[in-house]
Each structure stands twice: as C-alpha cells, then as structure tokens.
Amino acid sequence: LACVGTRSSQTQSVPHGRRSQSALCAVTSISEAWMTAMEPSVETSVEPSMEEMTLEEKAATGEGLSKAQKKRLRQKKKKAEDSSESAEAPAAESEAQPADENGNGATAANKNKKKKKKKSGGGSHGIRLLGQWKSGETIVGGGDAPHFPVAKQFEGRPFPTGEFQSYKDDNLWRETSAEKREQERLESDLYETVREASEVHRQVRRFAQSIAKPGIKMIDLCERIEDANRTLIGANGLDRGIAFPTGCSLNYVAAHWTPNKGDETVLQYGDVCKIDFGTQINGRIIDCAFTVAFDPKFDPLLEAVKEATNTGIREAGIDARLGEIGAAIQEVMESHQIELDGKIFDIKSVKNLNGHSIRPYQIHAGKSVPIVRGGENTKMEEGEFFAIETFGSTGKGFVNEDLECSHYMKEFDAPFVTLRSNASKQLLSTINKNFGTLAFCRRFLDRLGEQKYLLALKHLCDAGIVQPYPPLCDVKGSYVAQYEHTLYLGPRKKEVLSRGDDF
C-alpha cells in the first residue's frame, strides 16, 4: 500500500502540458508488463526495505525496532514458550504407565519422577541436606574470606540466641518460675559469651559450606576454615580462639583426622566428609559438626544421623538419664537403611563413639552421652553443657585407631614429670602458652614455627603429659556420617546454642 500511495502522488504532480507524454509512457509500461507475463517466471530474491520487514525479521537483524515493538516481541516469545510447555505436558503424561487394575493410581516410576522434581536436597552450596542460610547479620558467604569480627558486628546489641526447647514432665514448672527467671538473668554474662562463640561457629560454617567443593585440597579447606575462625572470633591467645583442630574425616574414617603438612588429599564428589570444628571464648567451648556429601545416594545415611542427633537433643534435659538418651538415639538411627550400588545396608550407630559434657577448657568433661542402649544411668544436671553428637555407619558400627596421628591434647590433670630433654621442655612450654588443655594438631605447631618436634612430642606422650588422638576408623569401604550440636541446660529451658539455618 505504501508503494501504491507513492505512485499516485507522483501522478498528481505531473504538469498539465506534459500529460500526453505521461500517457505514452503509461501505454509503454503496460505493453512491457504484458510481454513479461508471457515469459517463463524466474525467481528472484530482493531484500525488502525496512518498511516491508515483519517484526520477527527486524528482530533477527536487530535494526529498526522501537521500544513498543521490542516489548510486543518479548510477549510473543513468552506466549510461544508457554504454549510449547503446555503441549509437552500431555505428552509426558501419555508416556506414564496407567493405573493398575485396582485403580491405585500411578506406578512407582511415576512417583519417583514426582519425588525428583520436588526434592532438590542440595541448595546453592551443593551440599546434601543442609538448609539455605537466610540473609541477615552474617557477612560471610560466596567464598569470600571473612574480615569483620562478630563482636564488632553486634557491638551494642545482644548476640543471636540458639533454639530453645522446653524440659519434659516434672521440669515444666521451671518456665514460669520467678526464681529461675532471676537466676537466668544473673547468668547473662555467661549467655552472652556462649552465644557469641555460637554465632562465630555459624558464620564460619556458612563460609566453610561455600568453599567445600569437589576438587579442593583438604589441607586448604581446613586452613581456610581455621583462618576464618580466628578472624571472626578475634583470636587472642587462650582467651578466645580455636577450640580444637578442624576435623575433616573422609568416608570410613569417623573422627579425629585432619591433614598433616604435605598431605595432598583432595575432596571428591563421592566422598562423605565430616567437618568438625570448635570455637571458644574464655574456655567456653562450642562443639558442632556436620557432614558434607554431594551425591544424593548418601541422603538416607545423612537423614538417619541427623534425625538421631535431633532425637538426642530432644531427649536431653535436666534429670534425663544418659542411658535412656542412648537407647532413643539407637532406635531412630537403626530404623534406617541405605542402598549403595544395588546392595542394602543397615545403618548402625557407632557403639564406641559418644557425645560428652563440656567444661571450661575441657572438651571431654567426664560424662558421656552414648548413642546405643545399655549406657549408665547417670543424670544430666542444671547448668551443664553437652555436645550431642551421633555417628551412623554402613560398616560394623565400631571404630578402631588407625592411620597417621594428627590430633593431640594436653591432659587436663597432667602429672608433674621431670623432663630431661630440652626439646621436650621447650615444646611443652609452647603447648602451655598457646593451647593449654585445648586440643591442637601438628599443623598448629608448624604455624608457630616449631621444627623437628616429633621426637619431643613422642616423649611428652610417653610421659603421660600429652594424649595422642589417632583417627578413628570403621572398616574400609564403609561410610560414616556425623551431626553434632552443643546445648546448655539453663534454669528454665535448654538452649541448642549452635543451631543454625543449615541444620
């Protein structure tokens, strides 16, 4: 139409005196058009002008589109995508098997498809069965190294609390007791101390989960976690700092493994890695651990251990008997199974690993919380700290000391021994100054500049001053998972101090 409109305007512009010439030209044009029509047609490709191009053609060339045209094009594409998805849905339904003769609905295969679509499990960090961290006070994440101590983040404000849980039965009266409320108020300094240490642990966990990826060296993972710990806690000698070395035990190794200098072990996609580290302020220790796994086939193992740990936390409380807690944990743990490579395994509680009470500068303070039935009937008491940890295994459910030792700790009630070796005396002085009765590892001694200390360290162990803690291993080829939280039995309620968005 634009072309026709242009020609009519040209005809109107011809002067009156030249109309005969224009008529002759018109007759000639008609004659040429008739002759052309009589000849065989030949296809020719002529590029259209911008006025003649459709909206899609303009989009392909990227030229001549107004904002309104671009908007219409986007709407058109979206509508086309929606229609294609709706067309694919019936096709997928037609591929599904019909209901059985009794009309019981979809087959197991169809149910599995629905489950896969519903359950992602990994989150943005890619670690199985850990929750997503909510945006909030924490500034660590995305692999960026932390640089701002937690004490400054919350300057002039109280630190976040953990998860409160009520006591059972005969201790419910505590919640409304004015006396217990006043006692809680008098303990405010203690609460602030342990809550700060707990918030540090949460932020370090968040950082650790952002960098724990297949392909990272275990020694790099541990050292970056420990550096983050020192920064966020505001490390200052024995007053505040790391409570014990970062454990990163792999697969059949249940606990107490961290790489020594020169270790080249790399985290793999098919590994089950237990990340276990602690924070401390004025000796008040927060002990918390979680399992890193990327392969969804390990989900049943992780679910069993996490559920068992939460059961132990729920059963714990003032006047709770340790043996009864262990029985409840085992019942939950061993109700689970896992299929690996076509074989079914019963998940077992590791019978010779336990939770434990915690005192200032003493990670294992005397009371053990078993994870199997048959334990002692000792009761938990008000004012005590406990690390509730459970280990589930696809192996025998029993661990032995194996592999090269990396963890050490000075005995809390170490005997006085006369040391003849100057090297042993000097090493003991370093341990007393930097670690006291807190656990340490060989990498920590390397970091302090100690050299050729292994013989002196052996002498301290032989003298009963320092206790070695070798890795604890189930049978090779098995997998062990761990989850752990620290809780405080307060005057009115118990507080799961280390609870976070992740678990």
Foldseek 3Di string as FASTA:
>chain_A
DVVVVVVVVVVVPDDPVCVVVVVVVVVVVVVVVVVVVVDDDDDDDDDDDPVPDDLVVCVVVVPDDDPVSVVVVVVVVVVVVVVVVVVVVVVVVVPFDAADPVRPGGDPVVVVVVVVVVDDQQPPLLFGQWFDFDDDLQPAALLDADAAAPCVSQPPHAADFFDWDFDDDPQQVLQPDPVQVVVVVVCVVVRRFLLSQLVLVVNLVRNLSNPPDFFAFQQVSQVSSQVSQCNHQVDDFLQWGWQAGWAWDKFQFATQDGDDPPDRDTHHQAIWTKTWTWIHHQQDIWTWIFIGHNDCLCVQLRVQFVVLLVQLVNQAAFFRFLQVSLQSSQVSNQVTWGADPNDIFGKGWLFPDFKAWGDRSRRHDDDTRTNHHDDGRDGDHAFIKIKRKTKIKSFDSYWDFDDDFWKKFFDPPADDDDDPDPLLVVVVVVCCRRRNRGMYTNVVVVVVVDDPNPVSVVVCCVSRGMPIDGTIGGDPPMGMTMTIFMWHHGSGTITRSNDRSTD
